[in-house]
Amino acid sequence: MKNLITLMTVLFALNLTAQEKNAKASLEVDGVCGMCKARIEKAAITLTGVKSAQWNLETHELQVIYDGRKTDVAQIAKQVSDAGHDTKAFKAPEKAYNAVAPCCKYRDEEVVKAHQ
C-alpha cells in the first residue's frame, strides 16, 4: 500500500511538470559514500532529458533538472534503481544491488555504521 501511495504521488507530480522544459524534482535515494554519489548522479544524468543531477550524501536527496517533454520523475527513479540504489518508488533489483562495491552496500547495517 505504501508503494502504491508513493507511486501515485510520483505520478501526480509528473502530471504537474510533464511539459516543462526545465522541470525540477527531488528524489530520496539510498547510498552511503562518494562512490554511491558518482553512480547515482551518472545513472540520472545519462538518461535523455536530464540536464543536471546532484545527490547529497547527508540528506540522501537527488536534485534533478530535466526536460519534462523527454523524461519524467518515474523514469529517473527507475534508472537510478536499475543502477543499484533504492528510491521511494523503486527498489533496486537484487542483481544491480549485488553489483555495487562492498563499501556501497547501504542495506547492510555494518556498512552504514562504518560510514558514519
C-alpha atoms as a PDB file:
ATOM      1  CA  MET A   1       0.000   0.000   0.000  1.00  0.00           C
ATOM      2  CA  LYS A   2       2.867   2.380   0.847  1.00  0.00           C
ATOM      3  CA  ASN A   3       4.445   1.777  -2.577  1.00  0.00           C
ATOM      4  CA  LEU A   4       1.112   2.467  -4.264  1.00  0.00           C
ATOM      5  CA  ILE A   5       0.760   5.787  -2.444  1.00  0.00           C
ATOM      6  CA  THR A   6       4.347   6.722  -3.300  1.00  0.00           C
ATOM      7  CA  LEU A   7       3.822   5.802  -6.946  1.00  0.00           C
ATOM      8  CA  MET A   8       0.600   7.828  -7.069  1.00  0.00           C
ATOM      9  CA  THR A   9       2.449  10.810  -5.576  1.00  0.00           C
ATOM     10  CA  VAL A  10       5.186  10.497  -8.198  1.00  0.00           C
ATOM     11  CA  LEU A  11       2.603  10.253 -10.974  1.00  0.00           C
ATOM     12  CA  PHE A  12       0.750  13.283  -9.623  1.00  0.00           C
ATOM     13  CA  ALA A  13       3.968  15.276  -9.549  1.00  0.00           C
ATOM     14  CA  LEU A  14       4.664  14.046 -13.065  1.00  0.00           C
ATOM     15  CA  ASN A  15       1.345  15.440 -14.297  1.00  0.00           C
ATOM     16  CA  LEU A  16       2.169  18.831 -12.836  1.00  0.00           C
ATOM     17  CA  THR A  17       5.562  19.051 -14.542  1.00  0.00           C
ATOM     18  CA  ALA A  18       5.147  16.793 -17.585  1.00  0.00           C
ATOM     19  CA  GLN A  19       5.516  19.515 -20.191  1.00  0.00           C
ATOM     20  CA  GLU A  20       8.062  21.764 -18.504  1.00  0.00           C
ATOM     21  CA  LYS A  21      11.304  22.266 -20.384  1.00  0.00           C
ATOM     22  CA  ASN A  22      13.267  22.872 -17.167  1.00  0.00           C
ATOM     23  CA  ALA A  23      11.348  20.872 -14.582  1.00  0.00           C
ATOM     24  CA  LYS A  24      12.916  20.370 -11.157  1.00  0.00           C
ATOM     25  CA  ALA A  25      12.427  17.429  -8.849  1.00  0.00           C
ATOM     26  CA  SER A  26      13.849  15.915  -5.715  1.00  0.00           C
ATOM     27  CA  LEU A  27      14.084  12.170  -5.063  1.00  0.00           C
ATOM     28  CA  GLU A  28      15.196  10.276  -1.998  1.00  0.00           C
ATOM     29  CA  VAL A  29      17.898   7.783  -2.979  1.00  0.00           C
ATOM     30  CA  ASP A  30      19.718   5.367  -0.668  1.00  0.00           C
ATOM     31  CA  GLY A  31      23.517   5.373  -0.620  1.00  0.00           C
ATOM     32  CA  VAL A  32      26.434   5.723   1.808  1.00  0.00           C
ATOM     33  CA  CYS A  33      29.568   7.061   0.148  1.00  0.00           C
ATOM     34  CA  GLY A  34      31.250   9.012  -2.601  1.00  0.00           C
ATOM     35  CA  MET A  35      31.188   6.024  -4.928  1.00  0.00           C
ATOM     36  CA  CYS A  36      27.412   5.860  -4.433  1.00  0.00           C
ATOM     37  CA  LYS A  37      27.177   9.585  -5.229  1.00  0.00           C
ATOM     38  CA  ALA A  38      29.056   9.122  -8.503  1.00  0.00           C
ATOM     39  CA  ARG A  39      26.938   6.105  -9.508  1.00  0.00           C
ATOM     40  CA  ILE A  40      23.614   7.786  -8.646  1.00  0.00           C
ATOM     41  CA  GLU A  41      24.456  11.001 -10.469  1.00  0.00           C
ATOM     42  CA  LYS A  42      25.796   9.134 -13.514  1.00  0.00           C
ATOM     43  CA  ALA A  43      22.672   6.966 -13.718  1.00  0.00           C
ATOM     44  CA  ALA A  44      20.431  10.022 -13.650  1.00  0.00           C
ATOM     45  CA  ILE A  45      22.427  12.267 -15.980  1.00  0.00           C
ATOM     46  CA  THR A  46      22.790   9.606 -18.688  1.00  0.00           C
ATOM     47  CA  LEU A  47      19.008   9.481 -19.108  1.00  0.00           C
ATOM     48  CA  THR A  48      17.901  11.513 -22.130  1.00  0.00           C
ATOM     49  CA  GLY A  49      16.358  14.766 -20.973  1.00  0.00           C
ATOM     50  CA  VAL A  50      18.138  15.017 -17.628  1.00  0.00           C
ATOM     51  CA  LYS A  51      20.184  18.221 -17.574  1.00  0.00           C
ATOM     52  CA  SER A  52      21.538  18.191 -14.017  1.00  0.00           C
ATOM     53  CA  ALA A  53      21.773  15.652 -11.199  1.00  0.00           C
ATOM     54  CA  GLN A  54      23.236  16.322  -7.740  1.00  0.00           C
ATOM     55  CA  TRP A  55      22.980  13.793  -4.887  1.00  0.00           C
ATOM     56  CA  ASN A  56      23.580  14.872  -1.288  1.00  0.00           C
ATOM     57  CA  LEU A  57      25.255  12.240   0.902  1.00  0.00           C
ATOM     58  CA  GLU A  58      23.894  13.662   4.164  1.00  0.00           C
ATOM     59  CA  THR A  59      20.256  14.079   3.112  1.00  0.00           C
ATOM     60  CA  HIS A  60      20.122  11.279   0.502  1.00  0.00           C
ATOM     61  CA  GLU A  61      18.335  13.748  -1.747  1.00  0.00           C
ATOM     62  CA  LEU A  62      18.857  13.714  -5.509  1.00  0.00           C
ATOM     63  CA  GLN A  63      18.073  17.086  -7.086  1.00  0.00           C
ATOM     64  CA  VAL A  64      17.427  16.898 -10.826  1.00  0.00           C
ATOM     65  CA  ILE A  65      16.646  19.361 -13.571  1.00  0.00           C
ATOM     66  CA  TYR A  66      15.129  17.696 -16.599  1.00  0.00           C
ATOM     67  CA  ASP A  67      13.163  18.299 -19.773  1.00  0.00           C
ATOM     68  CA  GLY A  68       9.626  17.130 -18.986  1.00  0.00           C
ATOM     69  CA  ARG A  69       8.991  16.646 -22.691  1.00  0.00           C
ATOM     70  CA  LYS A  70      11.664  13.925 -22.842  1.00  0.00           C
ATOM     71  CA  THR A  71      11.562  12.174 -19.454  1.00  0.00           C
ATOM     72  CA  ASP A  72       9.823  12.214 -16.075  1.00  0.00           C
ATOM     73  CA  VAL A  73      10.445  11.595 -12.388  1.00  0.00           C
ATOM     74  CA  ALA A  74       9.374   7.950 -12.594  1.00  0.00           C
ATOM     75  CA  GLN A  75      11.868   7.223 -15.387  1.00  0.00           C
ATOM     76  CA  ILE A  76      14.641   8.927 -13.448  1.00  0.00           C
ATOM     77  CA  ALA A  77      13.826   6.933 -10.290  1.00  0.00           C
ATOM     78  CA  LYS A  78      13.748   3.690 -12.292  1.00  0.00           C
ATOM     79  CA  GLN A  79      17.104   4.484 -13.944  1.00  0.00           C
ATOM     80  CA  VAL A  80      18.720   5.111 -10.549  1.00  0.00           C
ATOM     81  CA  SER A  81      17.248   1.939  -9.047  1.00  0.00           C
ATOM     82  CA  ASP A  82      18.477  -0.086 -12.033  1.00  0.00           C
ATOM     83  CA  ALA A  83      21.968   1.218 -11.169  1.00  0.00           C
ATOM     84  CA  GLY A  84      21.669  -0.407  -7.727  1.00  0.00           C
ATOM     85  CA  HIS A  85      20.157   2.267  -5.468  1.00  0.00           C
ATOM     86  CA  ASP A  86      16.729   2.169  -3.833  1.00  0.00           C
ATOM     87  CA  THR A  87      14.340   5.079  -4.302  1.00  0.00           C
ATOM     88  CA  LYS A  88      10.950   5.579  -2.685  1.00  0.00           C
ATOM     89  CA  ALA A  89       9.222   4.467  -5.887  1.00  0.00           C
ATOM     90  CA  PHE A  90      11.525   1.594  -6.921  1.00  0.00           C
ATOM     91  CA  LYS A  91      13.668  -0.900  -5.028  1.00  0.00           C
ATOM     92  CA  ALA A  92      16.905  -1.769  -6.805  1.00  0.00           C
ATOM     93  CA  PRO A  93      16.865  -5.242  -8.363  1.00  0.00           C
ATOM     94  CA  GLU A  94      18.981  -7.716  -6.372  1.00  0.00           C
ATOM     95  CA  LYS A  95      21.337  -8.221  -9.325  1.00  0.00           C
ATOM     96  CA  ALA A  96      22.013  -4.471  -9.550  1.00  0.00           C
ATOM     97  CA  TYR A  97      22.384  -4.079  -5.760  1.00  0.00           C
ATOM     98  CA  ASN A  98      24.781  -7.030  -5.574  1.00  0.00           C
ATOM     99  CA  ALA A  99      26.912  -5.469  -8.323  1.00  0.00           C
ATOM    100  CA  VAL A 100      27.745  -2.340  -6.288  1.00  0.00           C
ATOM    101  CA  ALA A 101      31.064  -2.231  -4.420  1.00  0.00           C
ATOM    102  CA  PRO A 102      31.169  -3.758  -0.917  1.00  0.00           C
ATOM    103  CA  CYS A 103      31.526  -0.292   0.660  1.00  0.00           C
ATOM    104  CA  CYS A 104      28.274   0.760  -1.057  1.00  0.00           C
ATOM    105  CA  LYS A 105      26.018  -1.896   0.492  1.00  0.00           C
ATOM    106  CA  TYR A 106      23.622   0.616   2.081  1.00  0.00           C
ATOM    107  CA  ARG A 107      21.213  -2.151   3.167  1.00  0.00           C
ATOM    108  CA  ASP A 108      23.920  -3.615   5.449  1.00  0.00           C
ATOM    109  CA  GLU A 109      23.862  -2.017   8.924  1.00  0.00           C
ATOM    110  CA  GLU A 110      27.591  -2.629   9.447  1.00  0.00           C
ATOM    111  CA  VAL A 111      28.469  -0.781   6.238  1.00  0.00           C
ATOM    112  CA  VAL A 112      26.206   2.121   7.207  1.00  0.00           C
ATOM    113  CA  LYS A 113      27.846   2.308  10.671  1.00  0.00           C
ATOM    114  CA  ALA A 114      31.304   2.280   9.090  1.00  0.00           C
ATOM    115  CA  HIS A 115      30.425   5.368   7.026  1.00  0.00           C
ATOM    116  CA  GLN A 116      29.187   7.455   9.970  1.00  0.00           C
END
